[in-house]
N, C-alpha and C. Protein backbone atom coordinates (compact mmCIF):
# COMPACT_ATOMS: atom_id res chain seq x y z
N MET A 1 -21.04 -11.16 -1.19
CA MET A 1 -20.41 -10.25 -2.12
C MET A 1 -20.86 -8.81 -1.88
N VAL A 2 -22.16 -8.61 -1.73
CA VAL A 2 -22.68 -7.27 -1.51
C VAL A 2 -22.21 -6.74 -0.16
N ALA A 3 -22.18 -7.61 0.85
CA ALA A 3 -21.75 -7.18 2.18
C ALA A 3 -20.30 -6.72 2.17
N SER A 4 -19.42 -7.46 1.48
CA SER A 4 -18.01 -7.05 1.46
C SER A 4 -17.84 -5.76 0.64
N ARG A 5 -18.64 -5.61 -0.41
CA ARG A 5 -18.58 -4.38 -1.20
C ARG A 5 -19.01 -3.19 -0.35
N ASP A 6 -20.09 -3.36 0.40
CA ASP A 6 -20.57 -2.29 1.27
C ASP A 6 -19.53 -1.96 2.34
N LYS A 7 -18.89 -2.99 2.89
CA LYS A 7 -17.85 -2.78 3.90
C LYS A 7 -16.68 -1.99 3.31
N LEU A 8 -16.28 -2.36 2.09
CA LEU A 8 -15.17 -1.66 1.44
C LEU A 8 -15.53 -0.20 1.17
N LEU A 9 -16.73 0.03 0.68
CA LEU A 9 -17.16 1.41 0.41
C LEU A 9 -17.21 2.23 1.69
N ALA A 10 -17.70 1.63 2.77
CA ALA A 10 -17.80 2.35 4.04
C ALA A 10 -16.42 2.65 4.64
N SER A 11 -15.46 1.77 4.41
CA SER A 11 -14.14 1.95 5.02
C SER A 11 -13.14 2.66 4.11
N GLN A 12 -13.56 3.02 2.91
CA GLN A 12 -12.63 3.64 1.96
C GLN A 12 -12.04 4.96 2.48
N PRO A 13 -12.81 5.87 3.07
CA PRO A 13 -12.19 7.11 3.57
C PRO A 13 -11.09 6.84 4.60
N ALA A 14 -11.29 5.89 5.49
CA ALA A 14 -10.26 5.56 6.48
C ALA A 14 -9.04 4.95 5.81
N ALA A 15 -9.26 4.13 4.78
CA ALA A 15 -8.15 3.51 4.07
C ALA A 15 -7.33 4.56 3.33
N VAL A 16 -7.99 5.50 2.69
CA VAL A 16 -7.28 6.58 1.98
C VAL A 16 -6.48 7.42 2.98
N ALA A 17 -7.08 7.73 4.11
CA ALA A 17 -6.37 8.50 5.14
C ALA A 17 -5.16 7.74 5.66
N ALA A 18 -5.30 6.43 5.86
CA ALA A 18 -4.17 5.61 6.33
C ALA A 18 -3.06 5.58 5.28
N LYS A 19 -3.44 5.45 4.02
CA LYS A 19 -2.42 5.44 2.95
C LYS A 19 -1.66 6.76 2.93
N GLU A 20 -2.37 7.86 3.04
CA GLU A 20 -1.72 9.17 3.03
C GLU A 20 -0.79 9.35 4.24
N ALA A 21 -1.22 8.87 5.39
CA ALA A 21 -0.37 8.93 6.59
C ALA A 21 0.84 8.02 6.44
N PHE A 22 0.66 6.85 5.83
CA PHE A 22 1.76 5.92 5.58
C PHE A 22 2.80 6.58 4.68
N VAL A 23 2.32 7.22 3.62
CA VAL A 23 3.23 7.91 2.70
C VAL A 23 4.00 8.99 3.44
N ALA A 24 3.32 9.77 4.25
CA ALA A 24 3.98 10.85 4.99
C ALA A 24 5.03 10.31 5.95
N GLU A 25 4.75 9.18 6.59
CA GLU A 25 5.66 8.64 7.59
C GLU A 25 6.80 7.82 7.02
N TYR A 26 6.55 7.03 5.98
CA TYR A 26 7.55 6.08 5.50
C TYR A 26 8.09 6.35 4.09
N ILE A 27 7.35 7.06 3.25
CA ILE A 27 7.72 7.14 1.84
C ILE A 27 8.16 8.54 1.40
N ALA A 28 7.67 9.57 2.03
CA ALA A 28 7.97 10.93 1.60
C ALA A 28 9.48 11.14 1.48
N GLY A 29 9.89 11.68 0.34
CA GLY A 29 11.30 11.95 0.10
C GLY A 29 12.08 10.78 -0.48
N ARG A 30 11.45 9.62 -0.57
CA ARG A 30 12.13 8.43 -1.13
C ARG A 30 11.80 8.31 -2.60
N VAL A 31 12.76 7.86 -3.37
CA VAL A 31 12.52 7.62 -4.79
C VAL A 31 12.52 6.13 -5.12
N ASP A 32 12.68 5.29 -4.10
CA ASP A 32 12.78 3.85 -4.35
C ASP A 32 11.50 3.09 -4.03
N CYS A 33 10.40 3.81 -3.75
CA CYS A 33 9.13 3.16 -3.44
C CYS A 33 7.96 3.96 -4.02
N SER A 34 6.91 3.23 -4.41
CA SER A 34 5.64 3.83 -4.81
C SER A 34 4.55 3.19 -3.99
N VAL A 35 3.49 3.94 -3.71
CA VAL A 35 2.44 3.44 -2.84
C VAL A 35 1.08 3.60 -3.50
N GLY A 36 0.25 2.59 -3.30
CA GLY A 36 -1.12 2.64 -3.77
C GLY A 36 -2.03 2.01 -2.74
N LEU A 37 -3.29 1.97 -3.04
CA LEU A 37 -4.28 1.37 -2.16
C LEU A 37 -5.01 0.31 -2.97
N GLY A 38 -5.17 -0.86 -2.40
CA GLY A 38 -5.85 -1.94 -3.11
C GLY A 38 -6.61 -2.82 -2.15
N VAL A 39 -7.23 -3.82 -2.71
CA VAL A 39 -7.99 -4.79 -1.91
C VAL A 39 -7.08 -5.98 -1.63
N ASN A 40 -7.17 -6.52 -0.42
CA ASN A 40 -6.32 -7.65 -0.06
C ASN A 40 -6.69 -8.90 -0.87
N GLU A 41 -5.90 -9.96 -0.72
CA GLU A 41 -6.10 -11.17 -1.52
C GLU A 41 -7.46 -11.81 -1.30
N SER A 42 -7.99 -11.74 -0.09
CA SER A 42 -9.30 -12.34 0.16
C SER A 42 -10.45 -11.45 -0.30
N GLY A 43 -10.13 -10.21 -0.66
CA GLY A 43 -11.14 -9.30 -1.20
C GLY A 43 -12.08 -8.69 -0.19
N ASP A 44 -11.72 -8.76 1.09
CA ASP A 44 -12.65 -8.26 2.10
C ASP A 44 -12.16 -7.04 2.87
N ASP A 45 -10.98 -6.54 2.55
CA ASP A 45 -10.47 -5.36 3.26
C ASP A 45 -9.43 -4.66 2.39
N TRP A 46 -9.16 -3.42 2.75
CA TRP A 46 -8.16 -2.63 2.04
C TRP A 46 -6.76 -3.01 2.50
N THR A 47 -5.79 -2.78 1.65
CA THR A 47 -4.39 -2.96 2.00
C THR A 47 -3.59 -1.85 1.34
N VAL A 48 -2.54 -1.43 2.02
CA VAL A 48 -1.61 -0.46 1.44
C VAL A 48 -0.63 -1.26 0.60
N LYS A 49 -0.54 -0.96 -0.67
CA LYS A 49 0.35 -1.70 -1.57
C LYS A 49 1.57 -0.84 -1.88
N VAL A 50 2.74 -1.43 -1.65
CA VAL A 50 3.99 -0.71 -1.87
C VAL A 50 4.80 -1.47 -2.92
N PHE A 51 5.32 -0.74 -3.88
CA PHE A 51 6.22 -1.29 -4.88
C PHE A 51 7.61 -0.72 -4.60
N ALA A 52 8.52 -1.59 -4.17
CA ALA A 52 9.86 -1.17 -3.78
C ALA A 52 10.86 -1.59 -4.85
N GLN A 53 11.89 -0.80 -5.03
CA GLN A 53 12.90 -1.11 -6.05
C GLN A 53 13.89 -2.16 -5.60
N SER A 54 14.02 -2.39 -4.30
CA SER A 54 15.03 -3.34 -3.83
C SER A 54 14.53 -4.05 -2.56
N PRO A 55 15.10 -5.22 -2.28
CA PRO A 55 14.77 -5.89 -1.02
C PRO A 55 15.13 -5.04 0.20
N ALA A 56 16.21 -4.28 0.11
CA ALA A 56 16.60 -3.41 1.23
C ALA A 56 15.53 -2.37 1.51
N ALA A 57 14.97 -1.77 0.46
CA ALA A 57 13.90 -0.79 0.64
C ALA A 57 12.66 -1.46 1.23
N ALA A 58 12.37 -2.66 0.81
CA ALA A 58 11.20 -3.39 1.31
C ALA A 58 11.34 -3.72 2.79
N ARG A 59 12.54 -4.08 3.22
CA ARG A 59 12.76 -4.45 4.62
C ARG A 59 12.53 -3.30 5.59
N GLU A 60 12.62 -2.07 5.12
CA GLU A 60 12.47 -0.90 5.97
C GLU A 60 11.00 -0.56 6.27
N LEU A 61 10.07 -1.28 5.65
CA LEU A 61 8.66 -0.96 5.77
C LEU A 61 7.94 -1.93 6.70
N PRO A 62 6.92 -1.44 7.40
CA PRO A 62 6.17 -2.32 8.31
C PRO A 62 5.22 -3.23 7.53
N ALA A 63 4.80 -4.32 8.15
CA ALA A 63 3.84 -5.24 7.53
C ALA A 63 2.40 -4.81 7.83
N HIS A 64 2.24 -3.89 8.77
CA HIS A 64 0.90 -3.44 9.17
C HIS A 64 0.98 -1.96 9.53
N PHE A 65 -0.03 -1.20 9.14
CA PHE A 65 -0.07 0.23 9.48
C PHE A 65 -1.51 0.59 9.83
N ARG A 66 -1.69 1.10 11.02
CA ARG A 66 -3.03 1.39 11.55
C ARG A 66 -3.86 0.11 11.48
N ASP A 67 -5.02 0.16 10.85
CA ASP A 67 -5.89 -1.03 10.77
C ASP A 67 -5.70 -1.81 9.48
N PHE A 68 -4.65 -1.53 8.73
CA PHE A 68 -4.52 -2.12 7.40
C PHE A 68 -3.20 -2.87 7.22
N ASP A 69 -3.26 -3.95 6.47
CA ASP A 69 -2.06 -4.67 6.11
C ASP A 69 -1.28 -3.86 5.09
N VAL A 70 0.02 -4.09 5.04
CA VAL A 70 0.90 -3.48 4.04
C VAL A 70 1.49 -4.62 3.22
N GLU A 71 1.22 -4.61 1.93
CA GLU A 71 1.79 -5.60 1.02
C GLU A 71 2.91 -4.94 0.23
N VAL A 72 4.09 -5.53 0.29
CA VAL A 72 5.25 -4.97 -0.40
C VAL A 72 5.67 -5.92 -1.51
N GLN A 73 5.86 -5.37 -2.69
CA GLN A 73 6.35 -6.14 -3.83
C GLN A 73 7.64 -5.51 -4.32
N VAL A 74 8.68 -6.31 -4.43
CA VAL A 74 9.96 -5.81 -4.95
C VAL A 74 9.89 -5.90 -6.47
N THR A 75 10.01 -4.75 -7.12
CA THR A 75 9.84 -4.68 -8.57
C THR A 75 11.14 -4.43 -9.32
N GLY A 76 12.17 -3.99 -8.63
CA GLY A 76 13.39 -3.58 -9.32
C GLY A 76 13.26 -2.13 -9.74
N PRO A 77 14.33 -1.57 -10.26
CA PRO A 77 14.30 -0.16 -10.66
C PRO A 77 13.38 0.08 -11.85
N ALA A 78 12.79 1.24 -11.87
CA ALA A 78 11.92 1.63 -12.99
C ALA A 78 12.78 1.92 -14.21
N VAL A 79 12.24 1.57 -15.37
CA VAL A 79 12.94 1.81 -16.63
C VAL A 79 12.03 2.59 -17.55
N ALA A 80 12.54 3.65 -18.14
CA ALA A 80 11.78 4.43 -19.11
C ALA A 80 12.13 3.99 -20.52
N TYR A 81 11.12 3.73 -21.30
CA TYR A 81 11.34 3.32 -22.68
C TYR A 81 10.95 4.47 -23.61
N GLU A 82 11.76 4.67 -24.62
CA GLU A 82 11.46 5.72 -25.58
C GLU A 82 11.15 5.13 -26.93
């Protein structure tokens, strides 16, 4: 547990840089996707997390970017509640 935490802390700057580069290359100017950074399912590495509004938007994205996996979740369009 401590080793994976240390690994995540050490690799966080690279993960943030990869996420920012991913946004610049694939997401900038799009309104149908949102991007975040999270830990993968096994909890041992970072992943770029993308929330896409449609399956078509999701298909346009890679499954891997630099040294990180890309996880895409189709969420449907955002709705504002008043």
